[in-house]
Amino acid sequence: FNRPDSLSPFGRGGLNAYAYCQGDPVNRSDSGGHVGVHILFLDKLPDLALDRIFRHLSFKNMAAVSGASNTLNERGAGLIASQLNKRFVDASNPDVLSDLRSAIENEPGFLPSVFKSADFKVQFEKVTANASQKTSDRIKEAWRAEQSFSDKFTGKPNTDYDDFKKALAIKLKEHEGSPEILLNIKRDEARRKTLMRAWYTQLNLKGKMEQHVAKIRSLLNSP
C-alpha cells in the first residue's frame, strides 16, 4: 500500500507515506499535488494513531515517515523502538532484525536521522539484551530436554552421544527378535534426533541474531 513517489516530501527513499489516514493505512491518490498539509496531518496524530500506522510498515518505511518533519523524527525513535520490541518480543524471528538492518543500511554512508537518536539506541540495546537472554534460556531448555531423554534411555547420568549409541546398539541386539520392542527403540532413537534438532535450531537462531545485532550496533555507532 505504499507507492514510491519521487516528489514525496519524505526525503531519501521517496515514500508516499503521507497517503495514510488514522487507523489502518490505505492507498490514496495524490492527483494534484504533493502538498505539505499531509505532513501537518501526521504531525497532529497522537502516538497511538501513529503506532497503528507503524505496525503495518517495514522499518525502512517507518524511518521514511519519521523523516517527514522534525516533530515526527523526535517521536519516531520511540515508536520504531516500540515496534521492534513488539515484533521481536519472543526473539524467535531473526528476520525482524534483518528488516531493521536493511532500513539502517538503506543508503551506504547515510544513517536515517531517526536511528541517530540516543533514545532509539538505548531501546535497541534493551530489546536485544532481552532477546539474547530468551534465546539463551531456550538453548538451555532444549539441551536439558535432550540430556534428560538420553539419561533415561541409557540409565546413566550425564550421558553423551557415544553413550547413547552404545546403549542403542545393545538394546537393538537384545531385542532383535521382538518387533514391537524394536519399534519402540526406533521411536526413542527418532525422538532423540528431534530433540537434538530443536537444540541446534535454537543455537542457529542465536547465532543469526548475534550477527545482526553486532552489525546493527556498528552501524548505529558509526560516525
Protein backbone atom coordinates (compact mmCIF):
# COMPACT_ATOMS: atom_id res chain seq x y z
CA PHE A 1 0.00 0.00 0.00
CA ASN A 2 2.99 2.33 -0.41
CA ARG A 3 3.88 3.75 -3.77
CA PRO A 4 7.29 5.23 -4.50
CA ASP A 5 6.96 8.89 -5.34
CA SER A 6 9.92 10.93 -6.48
CA LEU A 7 8.20 14.10 -5.33
CA SER A 8 7.37 12.80 -1.89
CA PRO A 9 8.19 15.17 0.96
CA PHE A 10 9.74 12.28 2.86
CA GLY A 11 13.24 12.79 1.57
CA ARG A 12 15.51 9.95 0.60
CA GLY A 13 13.65 6.80 -0.25
CA GLY A 14 10.71 8.60 -1.83
CA LEU A 15 7.96 7.05 0.28
CA ASN A 16 4.46 8.36 -0.37
CA ALA A 17 3.56 7.74 3.28
CA TYR A 18 1.53 10.91 3.56
CA ALA A 19 -1.31 8.89 2.00
CA TYR A 20 -2.13 7.34 5.36
CA CYS A 21 -5.19 8.07 7.40
CA GLN A 22 -5.83 7.43 11.07
CA GLY A 23 -6.40 3.77 11.83
CA ASP A 24 -5.39 1.29 9.14
CA PRO A 25 -3.29 2.62 6.28
CA VAL A 26 -4.97 2.81 2.88
CA ASN A 27 -3.94 3.72 -0.60
CA ARG A 28 -4.92 7.21 -1.54
CA SER A 29 -4.27 9.02 -4.78
CA ASP A 30 -2.49 12.33 -4.88
CA SER A 31 -3.62 13.61 -8.23
CA GLY A 32 -2.58 17.18 -7.63
CA GLY A 33 -0.16 17.71 -5.60
CA HIS A 34 2.40 16.63 -3.07
CA VAL A 35 1.04 19.15 -0.63
CA GLY A 36 2.70 19.72 2.72
CA VAL A 37 -0.59 19.59 4.60
CA HIS A 38 -0.18 15.82 4.74
CA ILE A 39 2.92 16.26 6.88
CA LEU A 40 0.98 18.52 9.20
CA PHE A 41 -1.71 15.87 9.37
CA LEU A 42 0.78 13.24 10.51
CA ASP A 43 2.33 15.70 12.95
CA LYS A 44 -1.04 16.13 14.63
CA LEU A 45 -1.74 12.44 15.07
CA PRO A 46 -1.39 11.10 18.62
CA ASP A 47 1.24 8.45 19.26
CA LEU A 48 -1.41 5.73 19.46
CA ALA A 49 -2.60 6.53 15.94
CA LEU A 50 0.94 6.68 14.58
CA ASP A 51 1.69 3.38 16.29
CA ARG A 52 -1.27 1.83 14.46
CA ILE A 53 0.22 3.07 11.20
CA PHE A 54 3.72 1.90 12.04
CA ARG A 55 2.59 -1.61 12.88
CA HIS A 56 1.86 -2.14 9.17
CA LEU A 57 5.18 -0.77 7.91
CA SER A 58 8.66 -2.11 7.40
CA PHE A 59 11.38 -0.41 9.44
CA LYS A 60 12.58 1.27 6.26
CA ASN A 61 9.17 2.86 5.74
CA MET A 62 8.90 3.82 9.40
CA ALA A 63 12.18 5.70 9.03
CA ALA A 64 10.85 7.44 5.93
CA VAL A 65 7.70 8.57 7.73
CA SER A 66 9.76 9.74 10.71
CA GLY A 67 11.92 11.80 8.39
CA ALA A 68 8.96 13.86 7.23
CA SER A 69 9.44 16.54 9.87
CA ASN A 70 11.43 17.33 12.99
CA THR A 71 8.40 16.57 15.15
CA LEU A 72 7.87 13.16 13.57
CA ASN A 73 11.58 12.44 13.78
CA GLU A 74 11.58 13.09 17.53
CA ARG A 75 8.57 10.84 18.06
CA GLY A 76 9.63 8.23 15.54
CA ALA A 77 12.56 6.90 17.55
CA GLY A 78 10.34 5.75 20.38
CA LEU A 79 7.66 4.40 18.04
CA ILE A 80 10.15 2.40 15.99
CA ALA A 81 11.73 1.02 19.17
CA SER A 82 8.25 0.04 20.35
CA GLN A 83 7.62 -1.83 17.10
CA LEU A 84 10.97 -3.58 17.39
CA ASN A 85 10.04 -4.74 20.87
CA LYS A 86 6.61 -5.98 19.75
CA ARG A 87 7.91 -7.80 16.70
CA PHE A 88 10.87 -9.35 18.47
CA VAL A 89 9.25 -9.97 21.84
CA ASP A 90 9.71 -13.75 21.67
CA ALA A 91 13.13 -13.49 19.97
CA SER A 92 12.24 -16.29 17.55
CA ASN A 93 12.37 -14.48 14.22
CA PRO A 94 15.75 -13.08 13.13
CA ASP A 95 14.06 -11.66 10.02
CA VAL A 96 12.86 -8.81 12.24
CA LEU A 97 16.46 -7.78 12.83
CA SER A 98 17.22 -8.32 9.15
CA ASP A 99 14.44 -5.86 8.28
CA LEU A 100 15.82 -3.31 10.74
CA ARG A 101 19.34 -3.78 9.42
CA SER A 102 18.11 -3.20 5.85
CA ALA A 103 16.46 0.04 6.94
CA ILE A 104 19.65 1.28 8.56
CA GLU A 105 21.77 0.18 5.59
CA ASN A 106 19.29 1.69 3.12
CA GLU A 107 21.88 4.01 1.61
CA PRO A 108 25.61 3.45 2.16
CA GLY A 109 27.13 6.16 4.29
CA PHE A 110 23.73 7.61 5.18
CA LEU A 111 22.13 6.82 8.53
CA PRO A 112 18.48 7.95 8.72
CA SER A 113 18.33 10.59 11.43
CA VAL A 114 15.72 8.72 13.46
CA PHE A 115 18.28 5.99 14.12
CA LYS A 116 20.79 8.52 15.42
CA SER A 117 18.55 9.13 18.41
CA ALA A 118 20.07 8.20 21.76
CA ASP A 119 16.62 7.01 22.83
CA PHE A 120 16.45 4.55 19.94
CA LYS A 121 19.94 3.22 20.66
CA VAL A 122 19.10 2.68 24.33
CA GLN A 123 15.86 0.89 23.47
CA PHE A 124 17.63 -1.22 20.85
CA GLU A 125 20.12 -2.44 23.46
CA LYS A 126 17.31 -3.26 25.90
CA VAL A 127 15.31 -5.20 23.32
CA THR A 128 18.28 -7.18 22.05
CA ALA A 129 19.58 -7.91 25.56
CA ASN A 130 16.16 -9.30 26.47
CA ALA A 131 16.08 -11.32 23.25
CA SER A 132 19.56 -12.69 23.90
CA GLN A 133 18.52 -13.87 27.36
CA LYS A 134 15.41 -15.54 25.97
CA THR A 135 17.34 -17.40 23.29
CA SER A 136 19.95 -18.49 25.85
CA ASP A 137 17.17 -19.80 28.08
CA ARG A 138 15.64 -21.73 25.18
CA ILE A 139 19.01 -23.23 24.30
CA LYS A 140 19.38 -24.45 27.89
CA GLU A 141 15.84 -25.84 27.91
CA ALA A 142 16.40 -27.70 24.65
CA TRP A 143 19.71 -29.10 25.91
CA ARG A 144 18.15 -30.22 29.21
CA ALA A 145 15.31 -31.96 27.36
CA GLU A 146 17.76 -33.91 25.19
CA GLN A 147 20.04 -34.69 28.14
CA SER A 148 17.18 -35.93 30.28
CA PHE A 149 15.90 -38.16 27.49
CA SER A 150 19.35 -39.63 26.82
CA ASP A 151 19.98 -40.26 30.51
CA LYS A 152 16.66 -42.06 30.82
CA PHE A 153 17.34 -44.14 27.71
CA THR A 154 20.82 -45.21 28.84
CA GLY A 155 20.04 -45.47 32.53
CA LYS A 156 23.08 -43.32 33.34
CA PRO A 157 23.50 -39.63 34.26
CA ASN A 158 25.28 -37.05 32.11
CA THR A 159 25.43 -39.24 29.02
CA ASP A 160 26.90 -38.08 25.73
CA TYR A 161 26.33 -39.14 22.13
CA ASP A 162 28.69 -42.13 22.37
CA ASP A 163 26.87 -43.39 25.47
CA PHE A 164 23.56 -43.16 23.63
CA LYS A 165 24.93 -45.01 20.58
CA LYS A 166 26.31 -47.82 22.74
CA ALA A 167 23.05 -48.20 24.66
CA LEU A 168 21.11 -48.15 21.40
CA ALA A 169 23.27 -50.88 19.87
CA ILE A 170 22.91 -53.05 22.97
CA LYS A 171 19.12 -52.69 23.05
CA LEU A 172 18.76 -53.41 19.35
CA LYS A 173 20.84 -56.56 19.77
CA GLU A 174 18.98 -57.72 22.89
CA HIS A 175 15.55 -57.33 21.32
CA GLU A 176 16.24 -58.23 17.70
CA GLY A 177 13.60 -60.96 17.92
CA SER A 178 10.90 -58.68 19.35
CA PRO A 179 9.43 -56.45 16.61
CA GLU A 180 7.23 -54.47 18.97
CA ILE A 181 10.09 -53.63 21.33
CA LEU A 182 12.36 -52.80 18.39
CA LEU A 183 9.72 -50.40 17.11
CA ASN A 184 9.72 -48.58 20.45
CA ILE A 185 13.52 -48.44 20.44
CA LYS A 186 13.47 -46.91 16.95
CA ARG A 187 10.92 -44.39 18.15
CA ASP A 188 13.23 -43.44 21.00
CA GLU A 189 16.08 -43.01 18.53
CA ALA A 190 13.91 -40.75 16.36
CA ARG A 191 12.79 -38.81 19.41
CA ARG A 192 16.37 -38.07 20.40
CA LYS A 193 17.11 -36.82 16.87
CA THR A 194 14.12 -34.50 17.12
CA LEU A 195 15.36 -33.14 20.44
CA MET A 196 18.83 -32.61 19.01
CA ARG A 197 17.40 -30.71 16.04
CA ALA A 198 15.46 -28.47 18.40
CA TRP A 199 18.67 -27.67 20.25
CA TYR A 200 20.60 -26.96 17.04
CA THR A 201 17.75 -24.76 15.81
CA GLN A 202 17.99 -22.57 18.90
CA LEU A 203 21.77 -22.35 18.57
CA ASN A 204 21.40 -21.31 14.94
CA LEU A 205 18.79 -18.67 15.80
CA LYS A 206 21.04 -17.18 18.45
CA GLY A 207 23.97 -17.11 16.04
CA LYS A 208 21.96 -15.27 13.39
CA MET A 209 20.60 -12.86 15.96
CA GLU A 210 24.06 -12.03 17.29
CA GLN A 211 25.38 -11.39 13.77
CA HIS A 212 22.55 -8.95 13.03
CA VAL A 213 22.87 -7.23 16.41
CA ALA A 214 26.62 -6.76 16.01
CA LYS A 215 26.22 -5.26 12.55
CA ILE A 216 23.31 -3.01 13.56
CA ARG A 217 25.21 -1.80 16.64
CA SER A 218 28.20 -0.99 14.45
CA LEU A 219 26.00 0.99 12.04
CA LEU A 220 24.24 2.87 14.83
CA ASN A 221 27.54 3.89 16.37
CA SER A 222 29.26 4.81 13.13
CA PRO A 223 30.25 8.49 12.74
